[in-house]
Protein backbone atom coordinates (compact mmCIF):
# COMPACT_ATOMS: atom_id res chain seq x y z
CA MET A 1 2.98 6.08 43.61
CA THR A 2 1.17 7.52 46.57
CA ALA A 3 -2.58 7.32 46.94
CA THR A 4 -2.76 11.06 46.21
CA GLN A 5 -0.76 10.69 43.01
CA LEU A 6 -2.94 7.76 41.92
CA GLU A 7 -6.04 9.84 42.58
CA HIS A 8 -4.57 12.76 40.63
CA PHE A 9 -3.78 10.52 37.66
CA ALA A 10 -7.25 8.94 37.78
CA THR A 11 -8.85 12.39 37.94
CA GLN A 12 -6.71 13.64 35.07
CA VAL A 13 -7.53 10.74 32.74
CA SER A 14 -11.21 10.68 33.71
CA LYS A 15 -11.50 14.18 32.23
CA VAL A 16 -10.21 12.99 28.87
CA GLN A 17 -12.98 12.62 26.34
CA LEU A 18 -12.02 11.09 23.02
CA PRO A 19 -14.02 12.70 20.24
CA HIS A 20 -16.68 10.76 18.37
CA TRP A 21 -16.67 10.80 14.58
CA ALA A 22 -19.32 13.55 14.48
CA ASP A 23 -17.07 15.74 16.65
CA PHE A 24 -14.39 15.83 13.94
CA PRO A 25 -14.47 18.75 11.52
CA GLU A 26 -16.25 17.83 8.30
CA MET A 27 -13.87 19.88 6.18
CA GLY A 28 -10.45 18.46 5.37
CA LEU A 29 -7.58 19.32 7.68
CA TYR A 30 -3.93 19.86 6.87
CA ALA A 31 -1.35 17.71 8.66
CA ASP A 32 -0.49 20.46 11.18
CA GLN A 33 -4.17 20.79 12.10
CA VAL A 34 -4.50 17.01 12.52
CA ILE A 35 -1.41 16.99 14.73
CA GLY A 36 -2.75 19.80 16.92
CA LEU A 37 -6.17 18.23 17.30
CA VAL A 38 -4.88 14.73 18.13
CA ASN A 39 -2.14 15.95 20.49
CA ASP A 40 -4.54 18.23 22.38
CA ARG A 41 -6.90 15.31 23.04
CA LEU A 42 -4.26 12.72 23.94
CA ARG A 43 -1.70 14.81 25.87
CA PRO A 44 -3.36 14.26 29.29
CA LEU A 45 -3.00 10.50 28.78
CA GLY A 46 0.77 10.75 28.43
CA VAL A 47 0.67 9.51 24.83
CA PRO A 48 3.81 10.50 22.89
CA PRO A 49 3.03 13.47 20.63
CA LEU A 50 2.08 12.87 17.03
CA THR A 51 4.44 14.42 14.47
CA LYS A 52 4.25 15.18 10.77
CA ALA A 53 6.93 12.55 10.14
CA MET A 54 4.75 9.93 11.87
CA ILE A 55 1.73 10.78 9.72
CA ASN A 56 3.85 10.68 6.57
CA ASN A 57 5.22 7.30 7.66
CA TYR A 58 1.71 5.93 8.26
CA VAL A 59 0.66 7.07 4.79
CA LYS A 60 3.83 5.70 3.17
CA LYS A 61 3.33 2.30 4.81
CA GLY A 62 -0.35 2.20 3.83
CA ILE A 63 -1.54 2.32 7.44
CA VAL A 64 -3.46 5.55 6.75
CA ILE A 65 -5.01 6.50 3.40
CA ALA A 66 -3.14 9.30 1.62
CA PRO A 67 -4.65 12.77 1.96
CA VAL A 68 -6.52 14.34 -0.92
CA LYS A 69 -4.89 17.64 -1.93
CA LYS A 70 -2.92 17.53 1.36
CA LYS A 71 -6.13 17.46 3.39
CA TYR A 72 -7.13 14.70 5.79
CA SER A 73 -10.75 13.57 6.18
CA GLN A 74 -12.66 12.37 9.24
CA ASN A 75 -11.76 8.78 8.32
CA GLN A 76 -8.04 9.55 8.36
CA LEU A 77 -8.37 11.61 11.55
CA ALA A 78 -10.08 8.67 13.28
CA ALA A 79 -7.35 6.30 12.07
CA VAL A 80 -4.55 8.58 13.27
CA THR A 81 -6.24 8.96 16.67
CA VAL A 82 -6.58 5.18 17.11
CA ILE A 83 -3.02 4.56 15.90
CA SER A 84 -1.64 7.20 18.28
CA LEU A 85 -3.33 5.45 21.19
CA LEU A 86 -2.50 1.87 20.23
CA LYS A 87 1.03 2.14 18.83
CA GLY A 88 2.62 1.91 22.26
CA SER A 89 1.01 -1.49 22.76
CA PHE A 90 0.79 -2.94 19.24
CA ALA A 91 2.85 -2.98 16.06
CA LEU A 92 1.56 -0.85 13.18
CA PRO A 93 0.70 -3.84 10.96
CA THR A 94 -1.30 -5.34 13.83
CA ILE A 95 -3.20 -2.08 14.29
CA ARG A 96 -3.95 -1.88 10.56
CA ALA A 97 -5.10 -5.53 10.54
CA ALA A 98 -7.37 -4.85 13.54
CA ILE A 99 -8.87 -1.75 11.90
CA ASP A 100 -9.51 -3.77 8.73
CA GLN A 101 -11.09 -6.59 10.71
CA VAL A 102 -13.30 -4.33 12.81
CA THR A 103 -14.55 -2.48 9.74
CA VAL A 104 -15.20 -5.59 7.60
CA ASN A 105 -18.92 -5.62 8.43
CA ASN A 106 -19.18 -2.21 10.09
CA TYR A 107 -18.89 1.28 8.78
CA PRO A 108 -15.65 2.94 9.93
CA MET A 109 -17.72 5.55 11.76
CA ALA A 110 -19.65 2.92 13.77
CA ALA A 111 -16.49 0.98 14.59
CA TYR A 112 -14.56 4.10 15.62
CA ASP A 113 -17.44 5.41 17.74
CA ARG A 114 -17.69 2.06 19.52
CA PHE A 115 -13.94 2.14 20.25
CA VAL A 116 -14.39 5.68 21.64
CA ASP A 117 -17.36 4.62 23.79
CA LEU A 118 -15.37 1.73 25.25
CA PHE A 119 -12.25 3.86 25.78
CA ASN A 120 -14.10 6.78 27.40
CA ALA A 121 -16.04 4.43 29.70
CA ALA A 122 -12.85 2.57 30.69
CA LEU A 123 -11.11 5.84 31.56
CA ARG A 124 -13.90 6.49 34.07
CA ASN A 125 -14.16 2.89 35.26
CA GLU A 126 -17.71 2.71 33.90
CA GLU A 127 -19.57 0.23 31.76
CA ALA A 128 -20.04 1.20 28.14
CA ASN A 129 -23.54 1.17 26.71
CA LYS A 130 -24.76 -1.93 24.91
CA THR A 131 -23.68 -2.59 21.33
CA THR A 132 -24.93 -4.25 18.19
CA LEU A 133 -21.43 -5.22 17.05
CA ASP A 134 -20.46 -8.84 16.61
CA PRO A 135 -19.36 -10.24 20.01
CA ALA A 136 -15.90 -11.16 18.69
CA ILE A 137 -15.35 -7.63 17.34
CA GLU A 138 -16.60 -6.20 20.63
CA GLU A 139 -14.10 -8.37 22.51
CA LEU A 140 -11.26 -7.31 20.18
CA LEU A 141 -12.04 -3.64 20.79
CA ASN A 142 -12.40 -4.21 24.52
CA LEU A 143 -9.05 -6.00 24.79
CA ALA A 144 -7.32 -3.25 22.79
CA VAL A 145 -8.78 -0.62 25.13
CA VAL A 146 -7.84 -2.50 28.31
CA THR A 147 -4.33 -3.20 27.04
CA THR A 148 -3.78 0.43 26.05
CA ILE A 149 -5.11 1.92 29.28
CA THR A 150 -3.10 -0.56 31.34
CA ARG A 151 0.06 0.40 29.43
CA LEU A 152 -0.64 4.12 29.95
CA LYS A 153 -1.18 3.62 33.70
CA THR A 154 1.94 1.45 33.95
CA THR A 155 4.05 4.08 32.22
CA ALA A 156 2.71 6.83 34.49
CA LEU A 157 3.31 4.75 37.61
CA LEU A 158 6.85 3.87 36.56
CA ALA A 159 7.67 7.55 35.93
CA VAL A 160 6.46 8.54 39.40
CA LEU A 161 8.34 5.68 41.08
CA GLN A 162 11.55 6.55 39.27
CA GLU A 163 11.17 10.15 40.38
CA GLN A 164 10.52 9.21 44.02
CA LEU A 165 13.14 6.51 44.30
CA PRO A 166 15.68 6.60 41.50
CA PRO A 167 17.07 3.13 40.85
CA THR A 168 20.63 2.46 41.90
CA LYS A 169 23.04 1.30 39.27
CA ILE A 170 24.64 -2.04 39.84
CA LYS A 171 28.38 -2.04 39.26
């Protein structure tokens, strides 16, 4: 990856702003609306697009709470956003266990917003503001963010390298 391509990628991801809980619509959303909202926010990061089948699978496996009258709440939207980001680095049961652990003593909104603060700051190579979360929970969130961003950058770099210098097949 050339320096220019690295700069372009860094500029592209630095413009990404994950939404805080309060930025989510308060009214329930249908699956297609959830998909559109999540994919619009995560597309610049190179995250594989969310599909209706994925959401249905998350609900079926108990990773995401089932919608009420086919509408998804802010809580479910936050969960789907986090899962979409982390699933390339962690297994679904691990993600669910982490969400459960992080929200044991914290409201889901506070835990999600802290994850967003850490993620948005990391995308811009900045320090996140101070927190009142337990230090172990803070470290868990931080490691998840670093792992995910590193994977996203690695995937982008590999794609550019393969385009520039396609690997030769060994016979």
